[in-house]
PDB file of N, CA and C in Angstrom:
ATOM      1  N   UNK A   1       0.958  -1.021  -0.132  1.00  0.00           N
ATOM      2  CA  UNK A   1      -0.056  -0.222  -0.289  1.00  0.00           C
ATOM      3  C   UNK A   1       0.641   1.097   0.213  1.00  0.00           C
ATOM      4  N   UNK A   2       0.715   2.208  -0.668  1.00  0.00           N
ATOM      5  CA  UNK A   2       1.872   3.460  -0.782  1.00  0.00           C
ATOM      6  C   UNK A   2       1.194   4.038   0.325  1.00  0.00           C
ATOM      7  N   UNK A   3       2.216   5.494   0.864  1.00  0.00           N
ATOM      8  CA  UNK A   3       2.206   5.672   2.348  1.00  0.00           C
ATOM      9  C   UNK A   3       2.446   7.354   1.267  1.00  0.00           C
ATOM     10  N   UNK A   4       1.636   7.912   2.294  1.00  0.00           N
ATOM     11  CA  UNK A   4       1.791   9.649   1.998  1.00  0.00           C
ATOM     12  C   UNK A   4       1.819  10.166   3.232  1.00  0.00           C
ATOM     13  N   UNK A   5       2.514  11.108   3.425  1.00  0.00           N
ATOM     14  CA  UNK A   5       2.675  12.219   4.586  1.00  0.00           C
ATOM     15  C   UNK A   5       1.361  13.383   4.603  1.00  0.00           C
ATOM     16  N   UNK A   6       0.930  13.005   5.819  1.00  0.00           N
ATOM     17  CA  UNK A   6      -0.077  14.152   6.345  1.00  0.00           C
ATOM     18  C   UNK A   6       0.178  14.646   7.510  1.00  0.00           C
ATOM     19  N   UNK A   7       0.302  15.854   7.656  1.00  0.00           N
ATOM     20  CA  UNK A   7       0.810  16.645   9.079  1.00  0.00           C
ATOM     21  C   UNK A   7       2.041  15.791   9.451  1.00  0.00           C
ATOM     22  N   UNK A   8       3.154  15.713   8.662  1.00  0.00           N
ATOM     23  CA  UNK A   8       4.100  15.242   9.359  1.00  0.00           C
ATOM     24  C   UNK A   8       4.579  13.480   9.451  1.00  0.00           C
ATOM     25  N   UNK A   9       2.979  12.962   9.469  1.00  0.00           N
ATOM     26  CA  UNK A   9       2.673  11.920   9.914  1.00  0.00           C
ATOM     27  C   UNK A   9       2.578  11.188   8.652  1.00  0.00           C
ATOM     28  N   UNK A  10       3.312   9.564   8.725  1.00  0.00           N
ATOM     29  CA  UNK A  10       2.830   8.703   7.464  1.00  0.00           C
ATOM     30  C   UNK A  10       1.921   8.220   8.063  1.00  0.00           C
ATOM     31  N   UNK A  11       0.902   7.962   6.596  1.00  0.00           N
ATOM     32  CA  UNK A  11       0.113   7.550   6.923  1.00  0.00           C
ATOM     33  C   UNK A  11      -0.232   6.310   5.701  1.00  0.00           C
ATOM     34  N   UNK A  12      -1.401   5.354   5.712  1.00  0.00           N
ATOM     35  CA  UNK A  12      -1.587   4.310   4.527  1.00  0.00           C
ATOM     36  C   UNK A  12      -2.800   5.115   3.775  1.00  0.00           C
ATOM     37  N   UNK A  13      -2.675   4.909   2.722  1.00  0.00           N
ATOM     38  CA  UNK A  13      -3.731   5.253   1.777  1.00  0.00           C
ATOM     39  C   UNK A  13      -4.601   3.807   1.406  1.00  0.00           C
ATOM     40  N   UNK A  14      -6.254   4.551   1.362  1.00  0.00           N
ATOM     41  CA  UNK A  14      -6.855   3.394   1.612  1.00  0.00           C
ATOM     42  C   UNK A  14      -7.551   2.622   2.334  1.00  0.00           C
ATOM     43  N   UNK A  15      -8.253   2.010   2.888  1.00  0.00           N
ATOM     44  CA  UNK A  15      -8.680   0.934   3.524  1.00  0.00           C
ATOM     45  C   UNK A  15      -7.957   0.357   4.139  1.00  0.00           C
ATOM     46  N   UNK A  16      -7.509   0.455   5.819  1.00  0.00           N
ATOM     47  CA  UNK A  16      -7.061  -0.812   6.481  1.00  0.00           C
ATOM     48  C   UNK A  16      -7.436  -1.782   6.297  1.00  0.00           C
ATOM     49  N   UNK A  17      -6.465  -2.961   6.425  1.00  0.00           N
ATOM     50  CA  UNK A  17      -6.526  -4.539   5.895  1.00  0.00           C
ATOM     51  C   UNK A  17      -7.250  -4.760   7.544  1.00  0.00           C
ATOM     52  N   UNK A  18      -8.619  -5.614   7.367  1.00  0.00           N
ATOM     53  CA  UNK A  18      -8.964  -6.118   8.387  1.00  0.00           C
ATOM     54  C   UNK A  18      -8.415  -7.323   9.195  1.00  0.00           C
ATOM     55  N   UNK A  19      -9.164  -7.525  10.197  1.00  0.00           N
ATOM     56  CA  UNK A  19      -8.478  -8.593  11.104  1.00  0.00           C
ATOM     57  C   UNK A  19      -9.449  -9.661  10.738  1.00  0.00           C
ATOM     58  N   UNK A  20      -8.950 -10.282  10.555  1.00  0.00           N
ATOM     59  CA  UNK A  20     -10.274 -11.952  10.509  1.00  0.00           C
ATOM     60  C   UNK A  20      -9.955 -12.426  11.399  1.00  0.00           C
ATOM     61  N   UNK A  21     -11.360 -13.188  11.947  1.00  0.00           N
ATOM     62  CA  UNK A  21     -11.354 -14.112  12.866  1.00  0.00           C
ATOM     63  C   UNK A  21     -10.577 -15.436  12.801  1.00  0.00           C
ATOM     64  N   UNK A  22     -10.147 -15.672  11.400  1.00  0.00           N
ATOM     65  CA  UNK A  22      -8.999 -16.636  12.130  1.00  0.00           C
ATOM     66  C   UNK A  22      -7.824 -16.428  11.745  1.00  0.00           C
ATOM     67  N   UNK A  23      -6.935 -15.070  12.238  1.00  0.00           N
ATOM     68  CA  UNK A  23      -5.960 -14.146  12.583  1.00  0.00           C
ATOM     69  C   UNK A  23      -6.065 -14.450  13.957  1.00  0.00           C
ATOM     70  N   UNK A  24      -7.100 -14.003  14.338  1.00  0.00           N
ATOM     71  CA  UNK A  24      -7.058 -13.853  16.021  1.00  0.00           C
ATOM     72  C   UNK A  24      -7.087 -15.165  16.930  1.00  0.00           C
ATOM     73  N   UNK A  25      -7.795 -16.368  16.169  1.00  0.00           N
ATOM     74  CA  UNK A  25      -7.333 -17.475  16.671  1.00  0.00           C
ATOM     75  C   UNK A  25      -6.414 -18.404  16.481  1.00  0.00           C
ATOM     76  N   UNK A  26      -5.013 -17.948  15.210  1.00  0.00           N
ATOM     77  CA  UNK A  26      -4.236 -18.576  15.690  1.00  0.00           C
ATOM     78  C   UNK A  26      -2.946 -17.818  15.490  1.00  0.00           C
ATOM     79  N   UNK A  27      -3.600 -16.620  16.663  1.00  0.00           N
ATOM     80  CA  UNK A  27      -2.216 -16.008  16.529  1.00  0.00           C
ATOM     81  C   UNK A  27      -1.609 -16.575  17.806  1.00  0.00           C
ATOM     82  N   UNK A  28       0.098 -16.516  17.640  1.00  0.00           N
ATOM     83  CA  UNK A  28       0.584 -16.902  19.217  1.00  0.00           C
ATOM     84  C   UNK A  28       1.358 -15.904  19.721  1.00  0.00           C
ATOM     85  N   UNK A  29       1.611 -15.979  20.809  1.00  0.00           N
ATOM     86  CA  UNK A  29       2.419 -14.859  21.540  1.00  0.00           C
ATOM     87  C   UNK A  29       3.726 -16.056  22.039  1.00  0.00           C
ATOM     88  N   UNK A  30       4.711 -15.201  22.181  1.00  0.00           N
ATOM     89  CA  UNK A  30       6.040 -15.624  22.841  1.00  0.00           C
ATOM     90  C   UNK A  30       5.868 -15.593  24.211  1.00  0.00           C
ATOM     91  N   UNK A  31       6.504 -16.903  24.320  1.00  0.00           N
ATOM     92  CA  UNK A  31       6.139 -17.068  25.842  1.00  0.00           C
ATOM     93  C   UNK A  31       7.221 -16.008  26.774  1.00  0.00           C
ATOM     94  N   UNK A  32       6.829 -15.868  28.105  1.00  0.00           N
ATOM     95  CA  UNK A  32       7.874 -14.598  28.964  1.00  0.00           C
ATOM     96  C   UNK A  32       7.672 -15.671  29.793  1.00  0.00           C
ATOM     97  N   UNK A  33       8.814 -15.192  30.945  1.00  0.00           N
ATOM     98  CA  UNK A  33       9.003 -15.735  31.771  1.00  0.00           C
ATOM     99  C   UNK A  33       7.589 -15.609  33.334  1.00  0.00           C
ATOM    100  N   UNK A  34       7.567 -14.414  32.977  1.00  0.00           N
ATOM    101  CA  UNK A  34       6.031 -14.365  33.718  1.00  0.00           C
ATOM    102  C   UNK A  34       4.541 -14.191  33.194  1.00  0.00           C
ATOM    103  N   UNK A  35       4.340 -14.919  32.218  1.00  0.00           N
ATOM    104  CA  UNK A  35       3.486 -14.970  31.244  1.00  0.00           C
ATOM    105  C   UNK A  35       2.365 -14.987  32.002  1.00  0.00           C
ATOM    106  N   UNK A  36       1.222 -15.291  30.960  1.00  0.00           N
ATOM    107  CA  UNK A  36      -0.497 -15.547  31.422  1.00  0.00           C
ATOM    108  C   UNK A  36      -0.793 -16.799  30.514  1.00  0.00           C
ATOM    109  N   UNK A  37      -1.510 -17.355  31.209  1.00  0.00           N
ATOM    110  CA  UNK A  37      -2.192 -18.572  31.138  1.00  0.00           C
ATOM    111  C   UNK A  37      -2.775 -18.599  29.971  1.00  0.00           C
ATOM    112  N   UNK A  38      -2.332 -20.272  29.160  1.00  0.00           N
ATOM    113  CA  UNK A  38      -2.318 -20.010  27.631  1.00  0.00           C
ATOM    114  C   UNK A  38      -3.741 -20.298  27.235  1.00  0.00           C
ATOM    115  N   UNK A  39      -4.458 -21.008  28.704  1.00  0.00           N
ATOM    116  CA  UNK A  39      -5.737 -21.232  28.091  1.00  0.00           C
ATOM    117  C   UNK A  39      -6.376 -20.000  28.281  1.00  0.00           C
ATOM    118  N   UNK A  40      -5.991 -18.972  29.396  1.00  0.00           N
ATOM    119  CA  UNK A  40      -7.121 -18.081  28.952  1.00  0.00           C
ATOM    120  C   UNK A  40      -7.208 -16.887  27.777  1.00  0.00           C
ATOM    121  N   UNK A  41      -5.490 -16.962  27.584  1.00  0.00           N
ATOM    122  CA  UNK A  41      -5.527 -16.055  26.279  1.00  0.00           C
ATOM    123  C   UNK A  41      -6.153 -16.597  24.997  1.00  0.00           C
ATOM    124  N   UNK A  42      -6.392 -18.150  25.125  1.00  0.00           N
ATOM    125  CA  UNK A  42      -7.156 -18.844  23.949  1.00  0.00           C
ATOM    126  C   UNK A  42      -8.806 -18.268  24.234  1.00  0.00           C
ATOM    127  N   UNK A  43      -9.394 -18.245  25.240  1.00  0.00           N
ATOM    128  CA  UNK A  43     -10.555 -18.090  25.419  1.00  0.00           C
ATOM    129  C   UNK A  43     -10.679 -17.059  24.947  1.00  0.00           C
ATOM    130  N   UNK A  44      -9.700 -15.839  25.032  1.00  0.00           N
ATOM    131  CA  UNK A  44      -9.836 -14.519  24.955  1.00  0.00           C
ATOM    132  C   UNK A  44     -10.037 -14.316  23.516  1.00  0.00           C
ATOM    133  N   UNK A  45      -9.377 -15.173  22.547  1.00  0.00           N
ATOM    134  CA  UNK A  45      -8.802 -14.842  21.610  1.00  0.00           C
ATOM    135  C   UNK A  45     -10.348 -15.557  20.642  1.00  0.00           C
ATOM    136  N   UNK A  46     -10.656 -16.555  21.310  1.00  0.00           N
ATOM    137  CA  UNK A  46     -11.783 -17.059  20.623  1.00  0.00           C
ATOM    138  C   UNK A  46     -13.350 -16.183  20.692  1.00  0.00           C
ATOM    139  N   UNK A  47     -13.070 -15.364  22.151  1.00  0.00           N
ATOM    140  CA  UNK A  47     -14.327 -14.664  21.546  1.00  0.00           C
ATOM    141  C   UNK A  47     -13.952 -13.030  21.031  1.00  0.00           C
ATOM    142  N   UNK A  48     -12.725 -12.575  20.675  1.00  0.00           N
ATOM    143  CA  UNK A  48     -12.651 -11.519  20.117  1.00  0.00           C
ATOM    144  C   UNK A  48     -12.781 -12.223  18.732  1.00  0.00           C
ATOM    145  N   UNK A  49     -12.340 -13.086  18.430  1.00  0.00           N
ATOM    146  CA  UNK A  49     -12.925 -13.863  16.712  1.00  0.00           C
ATOM    147  C   UNK A  49     -14.102 -13.883  16.283  1.00  0.00           C
ATOM    148  N   UNK A  50     -15.118 -14.195  17.326  1.00  0.00           N
ATOM    149  CA  UNK A  50     -16.470 -14.462  17.413  1.00  0.00           C
ATOM    150  C   UNK A  50     -17.072 -13.113  17.094  1.00  0.00           C
ATOM    151  N   UNK A  51     -16.474 -12.160  17.468  1.00  0.00           N
ATOM    152  CA  UNK A  51     -17.124 -10.515  17.532  1.00  0.00           C
ATOM    153  C   UNK A  51     -16.759 -10.171  16.415  1.00  0.00           C
ATOM    154  N   UNK A  52     -15.651 -10.707  15.857  1.00  0.00           N
ATOM    155  CA  UNK A  52     -14.817  -9.947  14.677  1.00  0.00           C
ATOM    156  C   UNK A  52     -15.966 -10.760  13.494  1.00  0.00           C
ATOM    157  N   UNK A  53     -16.277 -11.817  13.430  1.00  0.00           N
ATOM    158  CA  UNK A  53     -16.912 -12.551  12.767  1.00  0.00           C
ATOM    159  C   UNK A  53     -18.726 -11.683  12.785  1.00  0.00           C
ATOM    160  N   UNK A  54     -19.057 -11.471  13.745  1.00  0.00           N
ATOM    161  CA  UNK A  54     -20.180 -10.985  13.767  1.00  0.00           C
ATOM    162  C   UNK A  54     -19.968  -9.458  13.193  1.00  0.00           C
ATOM    163  N   UNK A  55     -19.069  -8.818  13.358  1.00  0.00           N
ATOM    164  CA  UNK A  55     -18.891  -7.674  13.274  1.00  0.00           C
ATOM    165  C   UNK A  55     -18.707  -7.454  11.401  1.00  0.00           C
ATOM    166  N   UNK A  56     -18.048  -8.413  10.794  1.00  0.00           N
ATOM    167  CA  UNK A  56     -17.521  -8.594   9.224  1.00  0.00           C
ATOM    168  C   UNK A  56     -19.055  -8.627   8.658  1.00  0.00           C
ATOM    169  N   UNK A  57     -19.927  -9.736   9.283  1.00  0.00           N
ATOM    170  CA  UNK A  57     -21.340 -10.070   9.071  1.00  0.00           C
ATOM    171  C   UNK A  57     -22.161  -8.601   8.808  1.00  0.00           C
ATOM    172  N   UNK A  58     -21.807  -7.696   9.744  1.00  0.00           N
ATOM    173  CA  UNK A  58     -22.759  -6.849   9.709  1.00  0.00           C
ATOM    174  C   UNK A  58     -22.261  -5.464   8.928  1.00  0.00           C
ATOM    175  N   UNK A  59     -20.921  -6.018   8.871  1.00  0.00           N
ATOM    176  CA  UNK A  59     -20.411  -4.565   7.839  1.00  0.00           C
ATOM    177  C   UNK A  59     -20.877  -5.087   6.259  1.00  0.00           C
ATOM    178  N   UNK A  60     -20.694  -6.698   6.003  1.00  0.00           N
ATOM    179  CA  UNK A  60     -21.475  -7.216   4.690  1.00  0.00           C
ATOM    180  C   UNK A  60     -23.039  -6.829   4.631  1.00  0.00           C
ATOM    181  N   UNK A  61     -23.727  -6.573   5.712  1.00  0.00           N
ATOM    182  CA  UNK A  61     -25.320  -6.607   5.454  1.00  0.00           C
ATOM    183  C   UNK A  61     -25.175  -5.279   4.768  1.00  0.00           C
ATOM    184  N   UNK A  62     -25.211  -4.377   6.201  1.00  0.00           N
ATOM    185  CA  UNK A  62     -25.454  -2.923   5.612  1.00  0.00           C
ATOM    186  C   UNK A  62     -24.801  -2.520   4.328  1.00  0.00           C
ATOM    187  N   UNK A  63     -23.420  -3.232   3.799  1.00  0.00           N
ATOM    188  CA  UNK A  63     -22.998  -2.382   2.509  1.00  0.00           C
ATOM    189  C   UNK A  63     -24.355  -3.298   1.746  1.00  0.00           C
ATOM    190  N   UNK A  64     -24.924  -4.281   1.936  1.00  0.00           N
ATOM    191  CA  UNK A  64     -25.817  -4.878   0.967  1.00  0.00           C
ATOM    192  C   UNK A  64     -27.331  -3.900   1.102  1.00  0.00           C
ATOM    193  N   UNK A  65     -27.740  -3.364   2.361  1.00  0.00           N
ATOM    194  CA  UNK A  65     -28.587  -2.621   2.324  1.00  0.00           C
ATOM    195  C   UNK A  65     -28.387  -1.446   1.923  1.00  0.00           C
ATOM    196  N   UNK A  66     -27.441  -0.831   1.909  1.00  0.00           N
ATOM    197  CA  UNK A  66     -26.922   0.802   1.581  1.00  0.00           C
ATOM    198  C   UNK A  66     -26.941   0.498   0.099  1.00  0.00           C
ATOM    199  N   UNK A  67     -27.036  -0.787  -0.792  1.00  0.00           N
ATOM    200  CA  UNK A  67     -26.678  -0.530  -2.407  1.00  0.00           C
ATOM    201  C   UNK A  67     -28.162  -0.774  -2.196  1.00  0.00           C
ATOM    202  N   UNK A  68     -29.090  -1.144  -1.880  1.00  0.00           N
ATOM    203  CA  UNK A  68     -30.306  -1.697  -2.262  1.00  0.00           C
ATOM    204  C   UNK A  68     -31.074   0.020  -1.994  1.00  0.00           C
ATOM    205  N   UNK A  69     -30.676   0.792  -0.813  1.00  0.00           N
ATOM    206  CA  UNK A  69     -31.423   1.881  -0.814  1.00  0.00           C
ATOM    207  C   UNK A  69     -31.124   2.928  -1.673  1.00  0.00           C
ATOM    208  N   UNK A  70     -29.521   2.916  -1.998  1.00  0.00           N
ATOM    209  CA  UNK A  70     -29.043   3.914  -2.889  1.00  0.00           C
ATOM    210  C   UNK A  70     -30.033   3.189  -4.852  1.00  0.00           C
ATOM    211  N   UNK A  71     -30.070   2.348  -5.108  1.00  0.00           N
ATOM    212  CA  UNK A  71     -30.829   2.006  -5.869  1.00  0.00           C
ATOM    213  C   UNK A  71     -32.696   2.391  -5.848  1.00  0.00           C
ATOM    214  N   UNK A  72     -32.918   2.182  -4.759  1.00  0.00           N
ATOM    215  CA  UNK A  72     -34.241   2.441  -4.450  1.00  0.00           C
ATOM    216  C   UNK A  72     -34.406   3.913  -4.510  1.00  0.00           C
ATOM    217  N   UNK A  73     -33.251   4.842  -3.887  1.00  0.00           N
ATOM    218  CA  UNK A  73     -33.340   6.270  -4.096  1.00  0.00           C
ATOM    219  C   UNK A  73     -33.485   6.852  -5.535  1.00  0.00           C
ATOM    220  N   UNK A  74     -32.427   6.086  -6.549  1.00  0.00           N
ATOM    221  CA  UNK A  74     -31.628   6.435  -7.516  1.00  0.00           C
ATOM    222  C   UNK A  74     -33.489   6.419  -8.787  1.00  0.00           C
ATOM    223  N   UNK A  75     -34.076   5.121  -8.337  1.00  0.00           N
ATOM    224  CA  UNK A  75     -35.248   4.707  -8.876  1.00  0.00           C
ATOM    225  C   UNK A  75     -36.423   5.484  -8.814  1.00  0.00           C
ATOM    226  N   UNK A  76     -36.338   6.361  -7.593  1.00  0.00           N
ATOM    227  CA  UNK A  76     -37.598   6.844  -7.042  1.00  0.00           C
ATOM    228  C   UNK A  76     -37.308   8.035  -7.888  1.00  0.00           C
ATOM    229  N   UNK A  77     -36.103   8.966  -7.603  1.00  0.00           N
ATOM    230  CA  UNK A  77     -35.378  10.100  -8.660  1.00  0.00           C
ATOM    231  C   UNK A  77     -35.790  10.277  -9.650  1.00  0.00           C
ATOM    232  N   UNK A  78     -35.722   9.072 -10.842  1.00  0.00           N
ATOM    233  CA  UNK A  78     -36.117   8.901 -12.076  1.00  0.00           C
ATOM    234  C   UNK A  78     -37.676   8.695 -12.489  1.00  0.00           C
ATOM    235  N   UNK A  79     -38.394   8.293 -11.376  1.00  0.00           N
ATOM    236  CA  UNK A  79     -39.677   8.429 -11.862  1.00  0.00           C
ATOM    237  C   UNK A  79     -40.318   9.722 -11.176  1.00  0.00           C
ATOM    238  N   UNK A  80     -39.740  10.419 -10.676  1.00  0.00           N
ATOM    239  CA  UNK A  80     -39.958  12.003  -9.885  1.00  0.00           C
ATOM    240  C   UNK A  80     -39.937  12.309 -10.877  1.00  0.00           C
ATOM    241  N   UNK A  81     -38.678  12.774 -11.605  1.00  0.00           N
ATOM    242  CA  UNK A  81     -38.407  13.118 -12.270  1.00  0.00           C
ATOM    243  C   UNK A  81     -39.216  13.302 -14.035  1.00  0.00           C
ATOM    244  N   UNK A  82     -39.640  12.134 -14.152  1.00  0.00           N
ATOM    245  CA  UNK A  82     -40.793  11.967 -15.217  1.00  0.00           C
ATOM    246  C   UNK A  82     -42.191  12.510 -15.277  1.00  0.00           C
ATOM    247  N   UNK A  83     -42.235  12.014 -14.327  1.00  0.00           N
ATOM    248  CA  UNK A  83     -44.051  12.373 -13.617  1.00  0.00           C
ATOM    249  C   UNK A  83     -44.205  13.784 -13.323  1.00  0.00           C
ATOM    250  N   UNK A  84     -43.609  14.300 -12.737  1.00  0.00           N
ATOM    251  CA  UNK A  84     -43.222  16.091 -12.669  1.00  0.00           C
ATOM    252  C   UNK A  84     -43.338  17.159 -13.842  1.00  0.00           C
ATOM    253  N   UNK A  85     -44.610  17.672 -13.325  1.00  0.00           N
ATOM    254  CA  UNK A  85     -44.464  18.873 -14.759  1.00  0.00           C
ATOM    255  C   UNK A  85     -43.568  19.723 -14.462  1.00  0.00           C
ATOM    256  N   UNK A  86     -43.061  20.180 -15.181  1.00  0.00           N
ATOM    257  CA  UNK A  86     -42.250  21.676 -15.435  1.00  0.00           C
ATOM    258  C   UNK A  86     -43.113  23.003 -14.778  1.00  0.00           C
ATOM    259  N   UNK A  87     -42.036  23.698 -13.863  1.00  0.00           N
ATOM    260  CA  UNK A  87     -43.111  24.519 -13.387  1.00  0.00           C
ATOM    261  C   UNK A  87     -43.564  25.861 -14.732  1.00  0.00           C
ATOM    262  N   UNK A  88     -44.767  26.253 -13.924  1.00  0.00           N
ATOM    263  CA  UNK A  88     -44.672  27.457 -15.338  1.00  0.00           C
ATOM    264  C   UNK A  88     -43.872  28.518 -15.290  1.00  0.00           C
ATOM    265  N   UNK A  89     -44.030  28.762 -16.258  1.00  0.00           N
ATOM    266  CA  UNK A  89     -42.982  30.259 -16.919  1.00  0.00           C
ATOM    267  C   UNK A  89     -43.361  31.223 -16.471  1.00  0.00           C
ATOM    268  N   UNK A  90     -44.390  31.251 -15.408  1.00  0.00           N
ATOM    269  CA  UNK A  90     -44.965  32.714 -14.733  1.00  0.00           C
ATOM    270  C   UNK A  90     -43.510  33.266 -14.039  1.00  0.00           C
ATOM    271  N   UNK A  91     -44.268  34.769 -13.731  1.00  0.00           N
ATOM    272  CA  UNK A  91     -43.524  35.399 -12.812  1.00  0.00           C
ATOM    273  C   UNK A  91     -43.578  34.633 -11.138  1.00  0.00           C
ATOM    274  N   UNK A  92     -42.823  34.022 -10.310  1.00  0.00           N
ATOM    275  CA  UNK A  92     -43.085  33.305  -8.899  1.00  0.00           C
ATOM    276  C   UNK A  92     -44.115  32.517  -9.335  1.00  0.00           C
TER     277      UNK A  92
END
């Protein structure tokens, strides 16, 4: 992805890559001496992955609904333009 500068900060252009549920489930962390319980980490990863799946599903559904509404509005505008009489040419 191309990088551009804006306000002195490096920014990516376009949409950011989305984390998938699968990526959240399979992520492996480096062990540390005072680490955390791996079972709790896996449980949390499963919760995050489930939430991501649901959010991605909602994004897809909302995109489809947005497209349907755009088409309906376009159809209504086309009908309205054809059916409306032009205003009379008189004063006011």
